[in-house]
PDB file of N, CA and C in Angstrom:
ATOM      1  N   MET A   1    -144.520  39.145 138.092  1.00  0.00           N
ATOM      2  CA  MET A   1    -144.585  40.162 139.201  1.00  0.00           C
ATOM      3  C   MET A   1    -143.836  38.962 140.762  1.00  0.00           C
ATOM      4  N   ALA A   2    -142.898  39.100 141.168  1.00  0.00           N
ATOM      5  CA  ALA A   2    -143.169  37.643 142.831  1.00  0.00           C
ATOM      6  C   ALA A   2    -143.464  38.387 143.824  1.00  0.00           C
ATOM      7  N   GLY A   3    -144.237  37.661 144.669  1.00  0.00           N
ATOM      8  CA  GLY A   3    -145.419  37.172 144.843  1.00  0.00           C
ATOM      9  C   GLY A   3    -147.391  37.678 145.194  1.00  0.00           C
ATOM     10  N   SER A   4    -146.647  38.226 143.537  1.00  0.00           N
ATOM     11  CA  SER A   4    -148.527  37.931 143.151  1.00  0.00           C
ATOM     12  C   SER A   4    -149.662  36.410 143.356  1.00  0.00           C
ATOM     13  N   GLU A   5    -148.079  35.420 142.823  1.00  0.00           N
ATOM     14  CA  GLU A   5    -149.093  34.324 143.838  1.00  0.00           C
ATOM     15  C   GLU A   5    -149.309  34.745 145.807  1.00  0.00           C
ATOM     16  N   GLN A   6    -148.442  34.837 146.533  1.00  0.00           N
ATOM     17  CA  GLN A   6    -148.739  35.171 147.629  1.00  0.00           C
ATOM     18  C   GLN A   6    -149.540  35.968 147.772  1.00  0.00           C
ATOM     19  N   PHE A   7    -149.904  37.008 146.731  1.00  0.00           N
ATOM     20  CA  PHE A   7    -151.256  38.007 147.659  1.00  0.00           C
ATOM     21  C   PHE A   7    -153.084  37.802 146.233  1.00  0.00           C
ATOM     22  N   PRO A   8    -153.551  36.428 146.009  1.00  0.00           N
ATOM     23  CA  PRO A   8    -154.524  36.402 145.478  1.00  0.00           C
ATOM     24  C   PRO A   8    -155.472  36.301 145.542  1.00  0.00           C
ATOM     25  N   PHE A   9    -154.745  37.342 147.342  1.00  0.00           N
ATOM     26  CA  PHE A   9    -156.863  38.299 147.418  1.00  0.00           C
ATOM     27  C   PHE A   9    -157.058  39.426 147.360  1.00  0.00           C
ATOM     28  N   ASP A  10    -155.509  40.316 145.892  1.00  0.00           N
ATOM     29  CA  ASP A  10    -155.600  40.918 145.914  1.00  0.00           C
ATOM     30  C   ASP A  10    -157.204  41.839 144.436  1.00  0.00           C
ATOM     31  N   LYS A  11    -156.853  40.867 143.413  1.00  0.00           N
ATOM     32  CA  LYS A  11    -157.681  40.669 142.963  1.00  0.00           C
ATOM     33  C   LYS A  11    -159.639  41.236 143.557  1.00  0.00           C
ATOM     34  N   TYR A  12    -159.676  40.140 144.876  1.00  0.00           N
ATOM     35  CA  TYR A  12    -160.503  40.064 145.571  1.00  0.00           C
ATOM     36  C   TYR A  12    -161.058  41.444 146.054  1.00  0.00           C
ATOM     37  N   TYR A  13    -160.049  41.847 145.853  1.00  0.00           N
ATOM     38  CA  TYR A  13    -160.094  43.555 147.084  1.00  0.00           C
ATOM     39  C   TYR A  13    -160.358  44.405 147.140  1.00  0.00           C
ATOM     40  N   VAL A  14    -159.470  44.276 144.937  1.00  0.00           N
ATOM     41  CA  VAL A  14    -160.253  45.852 144.213  1.00  0.00           C
ATOM     42  C   VAL A  14    -161.402  45.283 143.728  1.00  0.00           C
ATOM     43  N   ALA A  15    -161.712  43.790 143.739  1.00  0.00           N
ATOM     44  CA  ALA A  15    -163.050  44.366 143.883  1.00  0.00           C
ATOM     45  C   ALA A  15    -164.261  44.473 144.303  1.00  0.00           C
ATOM     46  N   PHE A  16    -163.456  44.123 145.873  1.00  0.00           N
ATOM     47  CA  PHE A  16    -164.694  45.028 146.380  1.00  0.00           C
ATOM     48  C   PHE A  16    -164.828  45.991 146.541  1.00  0.00           C
ATOM     49  N   SER A  17    -163.648  46.663 146.147  1.00  0.00           N
ATOM     50  CA  SER A  17    -163.474  48.134 146.404  1.00  0.00           C
ATOM     51  C   SER A  17    -163.750  48.769 145.677  1.00  0.00           C
ATOM     52  N   ILE A  18    -164.399  48.298 144.542  1.00  0.00           N
ATOM     53  CA  ILE A  18    -165.537  48.852 143.569  1.00  0.00           C
ATOM     54  C   ILE A  18    -166.931  48.643 143.537  1.00  0.00           C
ATOM     55  N   LYS A  19    -166.849  47.941 143.852  1.00  0.00           N
ATOM     56  CA  LYS A  19    -168.259  47.413 144.677  1.00  0.00           C
ATOM     57  C   LYS A  19    -168.690  48.992 145.085  1.00  0.00           C
ATOM     58  N   CYS A  20    -167.962  48.679 146.367  1.00  0.00           N
ATOM     59  CA  CYS A  20    -168.271  49.836 147.333  1.00  0.00           C
ATOM     60  C   CYS A  20    -168.585  50.654 146.192  1.00  0.00           C
ATOM     61  N   LEU A  21    -167.859  51.538 146.087  1.00  0.00           N
ATOM     62  CA  LEU A  21    -167.825  52.752 144.868  1.00  0.00           C
ATOM     63  C   LEU A  21    -168.982  53.075 143.886  1.00  0.00           C
ATOM     64  N   THR A  22    -169.782  51.569 144.337  1.00  0.00           N
ATOM     65  CA  THR A  22    -170.826  51.354 143.192  1.00  0.00           C
ATOM     66  C   THR A  22    -172.038  51.460 143.901  1.00  0.00           C
ATOM     67  N   TYR A  23    -171.896  50.722 145.258  1.00  0.00           N
ATOM     68  CA  TYR A  23    -173.618  51.207 145.975  1.00  0.00           C
ATOM     69  C   TYR A  23    -173.226  52.875 146.402  1.00  0.00           C
ATOM     70  N   SER A  24    -171.639  52.685 146.770  1.00  0.00           N
ATOM     71  CA  SER A  24    -171.747  54.298 147.498  1.00  0.00           C
ATOM     72  C   SER A  24    -172.958  54.964 146.848  1.00  0.00           C
TER      73      SER A  24
END
């Protein structure tokens, strides 16, 4: 996937979303 290296924070964003749902 081109641009995957440009968006390394994507994984952190997903993890943050999951954590938010877990705490919700």
